[in-house]
Structure formats: structure tokens, C-alpha cells
Amino acid sequence: MAKVDAIRLSSELGIDLVQAALRLRREGAPGETDYDTCLRLIADEGRNRRRRPPEQSQA
């Protein structure tokens, strides 16, 4: 059964559930819970999306 944090990360970032579970495992800091890792990854992705310039549409 998938972990709730992996499901949430998958939903928020629009990635596959397996990718989300692997990312939680790979990017978790020592002593950090899966929940904390999940929230940090979602926040980091939100910051990265705001920093990117808007994509230019080619008409």
C-alpha cells in the first residue's frame, strides 16, 4: 500500500506515484519524517515555479 505522503506528493507535483515514493526516500534529510520531506519538496517546487520566467507562446 502506498504511503499517504507519496500520494500527496504525486498529486501536488503531478508525478507518478512510484517516482514520488522514490523521491521521498532519496531526498529525505537524516531525522526528517516523510511528512516533513513531502512538505519541503512541495514548497521547493512552488518556489522554483515562481522563479521561472513565463514561457513564450509561439503563434
N, C-alpha and C. Protein backbone atom coordinates (compact mmCIF):
# COMPACT_ATOMS: atom_id res chain seq x y z
N MET A 1 0.85 -1.19 0.00
CA MET A 1 0.00 0.00 0.00
C MET A 1 0.88 1.24 0.00
N ALA A 2 0.52 2.22 -0.79
CA ALA A 2 1.31 3.44 -0.90
C ALA A 2 1.17 4.29 0.35
N LYS A 3 2.24 5.00 0.64
CA LYS A 3 2.22 5.90 1.78
C LYS A 3 1.44 7.15 1.43
N VAL A 4 0.79 7.71 2.42
CA VAL A 4 -0.03 8.91 2.22
C VAL A 4 0.82 10.07 1.71
N ASP A 5 2.04 10.21 2.23
CA ASP A 5 2.90 11.32 1.82
C ASP A 5 3.31 11.18 0.35
N ALA A 6 3.54 9.97 -0.11
CA ALA A 6 3.88 9.75 -1.52
C ALA A 6 2.69 10.07 -2.40
N ILE A 7 1.50 9.72 -1.95
CA ILE A 7 0.29 10.02 -2.72
C ILE A 7 0.10 11.54 -2.81
N ARG A 8 0.30 12.22 -1.71
CA ARG A 8 0.14 13.68 -1.71
C ARG A 8 1.17 14.33 -2.62
N LEU A 9 2.43 13.89 -2.52
CA LEU A 9 3.49 14.45 -3.36
C LEU A 9 3.19 14.20 -4.83
N SER A 10 2.74 13.01 -5.15
CA SER A 10 2.38 12.66 -6.52
C SER A 10 1.27 13.58 -7.04
N SER A 11 0.28 13.80 -6.22
CA SER A 11 -0.85 14.64 -6.62
C SER A 11 -0.45 16.09 -6.79
N GLU A 12 0.31 16.61 -5.85
CA GLU A 12 0.69 18.03 -5.88
C GLU A 12 1.66 18.36 -7.03
N LEU A 13 2.60 17.46 -7.29
CA LEU A 13 3.61 17.73 -8.32
C LEU A 13 3.25 17.16 -9.68
N GLY A 14 2.20 16.35 -9.73
CA GLY A 14 1.79 15.76 -10.99
C GLY A 14 2.77 14.73 -11.51
N ILE A 15 3.35 13.95 -10.59
CA ILE A 15 4.30 12.92 -10.99
C ILE A 15 3.72 11.55 -10.63
N ASP A 16 4.32 10.52 -11.18
CA ASP A 16 3.90 9.15 -10.94
C ASP A 16 4.09 8.80 -9.46
N LEU A 17 3.24 7.93 -8.94
CA LEU A 17 3.30 7.54 -7.54
C LEU A 17 4.64 6.88 -7.19
N VAL A 18 5.16 6.05 -8.08
CA VAL A 18 6.44 5.40 -7.83
C VAL A 18 7.55 6.44 -7.78
N GLN A 19 7.52 7.42 -8.68
CA GLN A 19 8.52 8.49 -8.68
C GLN A 19 8.44 9.29 -7.38
N ALA A 20 7.23 9.54 -6.91
CA ALA A 20 7.06 10.30 -5.67
C ALA A 20 7.62 9.54 -4.48
N ALA A 21 7.38 8.23 -4.41
CA ALA A 21 7.89 7.42 -3.32
C ALA A 21 9.42 7.39 -3.34
N LEU A 22 10.00 7.24 -4.53
CA LEU A 22 11.45 7.24 -4.65
C LEU A 22 12.05 8.59 -4.30
N ARG A 23 11.37 9.65 -4.70
CA ARG A 23 11.87 10.99 -4.39
C ARG A 23 11.83 11.27 -2.89
N LEU A 24 10.79 10.80 -2.21
CA LEU A 24 10.73 10.94 -0.75
C LEU A 24 11.90 10.22 -0.09
N ARG A 25 12.17 9.02 -0.55
CA ARG A 25 13.26 8.24 0.03
C ARG A 25 14.62 8.86 -0.27
N ARG A 26 14.81 9.31 -1.51
CA ARG A 26 16.10 9.83 -1.96
C ARG A 26 16.42 11.21 -1.39
N GLU A 27 15.42 12.07 -1.27
CA GLU A 27 15.68 13.45 -0.89
C GLU A 27 15.39 13.76 0.58
N GLY A 28 15.05 12.75 1.35
CA GLY A 28 14.80 12.96 2.77
C GLY A 28 16.09 13.21 3.52
N ALA A 29 16.08 14.21 4.39
CA ALA A 29 17.24 14.52 5.22
C ALA A 29 17.26 13.58 6.43
N PRO A 30 18.45 13.29 6.98
CA PRO A 30 18.51 12.44 8.17
C PRO A 30 17.68 13.03 9.31
N GLY A 31 16.84 12.20 9.91
CA GLY A 31 16.00 12.65 11.01
C GLY A 31 14.71 13.34 10.58
N GLU A 32 14.53 13.53 9.30
CA GLU A 32 13.34 14.20 8.77
C GLU A 32 12.27 13.14 8.47
N THR A 33 11.04 13.39 8.87
CA THR A 33 9.96 12.45 8.60
C THR A 33 9.55 12.56 7.13
N ASP A 34 8.85 11.53 6.64
CA ASP A 34 8.34 11.58 5.27
C ASP A 34 7.40 12.77 5.09
N TYR A 35 6.63 13.07 6.12
CA TYR A 35 5.70 14.20 6.06
C TYR A 35 6.47 15.51 5.87
N ASP A 36 7.52 15.71 6.67
CA ASP A 36 8.33 16.93 6.55
C ASP A 36 9.00 17.01 5.18
N THR A 37 9.51 15.89 4.70
CA THR A 37 10.14 15.85 3.38
C THR A 37 9.14 16.21 2.30
N CYS A 38 7.94 15.66 2.41
CA CYS A 38 6.88 15.93 1.44
C CYS A 38 6.57 17.43 1.39
N LEU A 39 6.37 18.03 2.54
CA LEU A 39 6.06 19.46 2.58
C LEU A 39 7.20 20.31 2.04
N ARG A 40 8.43 19.92 2.35
CA ARG A 40 9.60 20.68 1.87
C ARG A 40 9.70 20.58 0.35
N LEU A 41 9.49 19.39 -0.20
CA LEU A 41 9.58 19.23 -1.65
C LEU A 41 8.49 20.01 -2.38
N ILE A 42 7.28 20.02 -1.82
CA ILE A 42 6.19 20.78 -2.42
C ILE A 42 6.51 22.28 -2.38
N ALA A 43 7.03 22.75 -1.24
CA ALA A 43 7.39 24.17 -1.11
C ALA A 43 8.52 24.53 -2.06
N ASP A 44 9.54 23.67 -2.16
CA ASP A 44 10.66 23.93 -3.08
C ASP A 44 10.19 24.01 -4.52
N GLU A 45 9.31 23.10 -4.91
CA GLU A 45 8.79 23.10 -6.27
C GLU A 45 7.97 24.37 -6.54
N GLY A 46 7.20 24.81 -5.55
CA GLY A 46 6.43 26.05 -5.70
C GLY A 46 7.33 27.25 -5.88
N ARG A 47 8.42 27.30 -5.12
CA ARG A 47 9.37 28.40 -5.26
C ARG A 47 10.04 28.37 -6.63
N ASN A 48 10.40 27.18 -7.09
CA ASN A 48 11.05 27.06 -8.41
C ASN A 48 10.11 27.47 -9.53
N ARG A 49 8.85 27.15 -9.41
CA ARG A 49 7.88 27.52 -10.46
C ARG A 49 7.68 29.02 -10.52
N ARG A 50 7.72 29.69 -9.38
CA ARG A 50 7.53 31.15 -9.38
C ARG A 50 8.73 31.87 -9.93
N ARG A 51 9.92 31.31 -9.79
CA ARG A 51 11.15 31.96 -10.25
C ARG A 51 11.33 31.87 -11.77
N ARG A 52 10.77 30.82 -12.37
CA ARG A 52 10.92 30.64 -13.81
C ARG A 52 10.18 31.73 -14.58
N PRO A 53 10.82 32.26 -15.62
CA PRO A 53 10.09 33.24 -16.43
C PRO A 53 8.95 32.56 -17.18
N PRO A 54 7.88 33.29 -17.45
CA PRO A 54 6.77 32.69 -18.19
C PRO A 54 7.23 32.22 -19.57
N GLU A 55 6.71 31.07 -19.98
CA GLU A 55 7.09 30.53 -21.27
C GLU A 55 6.44 31.37 -22.37
N GLN A 56 7.22 31.60 -23.43
CA GLN A 56 6.73 32.37 -24.56
C GLN A 56 5.94 31.45 -25.48
N SER A 57 4.74 31.83 -25.80
CA SER A 57 3.95 31.01 -26.73
C SER A 57 4.35 31.40 -28.15
N GLN A 58 4.50 30.39 -28.97
CA GLN A 58 4.87 30.63 -30.37
C GLN A 58 3.62 30.51 -31.22
N ALA A 59 3.21 31.61 -31.80
CA ALA A 59 1.97 31.63 -32.59
C ALA A 59 2.26 31.51 -34.06
